[in-house]
Amino acid sequence: MVLVAVLLLALGVLAWRWKTKVGFPLSARLVIVQWAGLGLGAVVFLASMAVVVPPGQAGIQVLFGKVNAEALPSGLHFINPFTQVVEMEVRTRNYTMSNMTDEGQKKGDDSISVISSDGLTVKLDATIFYSLQQARLPEIYRTIGPDVEERIVRSEIRASLRDAAAALSATELYTSKRQSFVDQVTKALKAAFESRGITLEQMLLRNVILPDQITKSINDKISADQDAQKMAFVLQKEKQEAERKRIEAEGQAKAQQIVSQSLTPQIIEYQRIQALREIGAKGNLIITPMGGATPLIQVPAKR
């Protein structure tokens, strides 16, 4: 755009000089060319100084190979017309390395293979969220270039995962030490990224793919643990039921003991006489006490 402005201005100057050397009507036409060239050249020159940086981007100013130390935030700016502005994204990005096809930035299996402390090869799927620090964009552009993911992000993810996995067994990566592994990798990545002007926002360990024989062993162990827990529950239930029956039997035995202790011969005789009186009151019996015996005489009921 600057070159166009220079050509238009040069055309206007030439027309201004030539109009004095030619006669009418060519001189009148050159006056039009003169003002059109100078006017359009000035407009194009001013327009070449205006730069609009889109939202979520920042501009890197490069003048004849030299990078300006200050990045341009999003918005309208007026700069040296000979300055080249390179836009770089400052919004949060994500980078995924996965064994699933078309899931990550790379096609095919892009998972990270690591060696655990027990010598097994484990594949890891990971996603990180990061952003470029706007104040350090000129430094990033000068030392790394615009392709930050290929040159820094991928290599640092692989190195951090492999270093952290070397201290853990495959089973620990899959189960008990998974969160501590993520914490260790996050700490290492933050330090590595910060030195490059990159902010790590979050690291996700999406999947741990163990060798087939280890996966089978873990699944068998989980199944055995579940069976043991089920058996322990059944035994506990049976134990509680046995305890309930024992307590119930003890209660019945105590009740019978109390009743048997309270039944003296006098009470038994009294209760027998009371029962006979109740029967006799209905007109079915006549009770005649005679000595120690009590004869019973059946009498038909009154109609």
Foldseek 3Di string as FASTA:
>chain_A
DLVQLVVLQVQLVVLVVVLVVDDPPVSVVSNVSNCVSNVVSVVVQQVLQKDAAAPQKWWWWAAPRDTDLAIHHGGIGGHHSRIDIDIAGFDKDKAKQAQDAPPGPDGHHRWAWAAALVGFTKTWIKMWIKGAANSCVSVLCVPPNRPCCVPPVVVLLNVLLRVLRHHHHLVCCVPVCVVVSLVSSVVSSQVSQVVNRMHTDHMDGDDMGGPPVVVVVVVVVVVVVVVVVVVVVVVVVVVVVVVVVVVVVVVVVVVVVVVVVVDDVVNVVVVVVVVVVVVVVQVQWDWDDDPPDIDIDGDDGDD
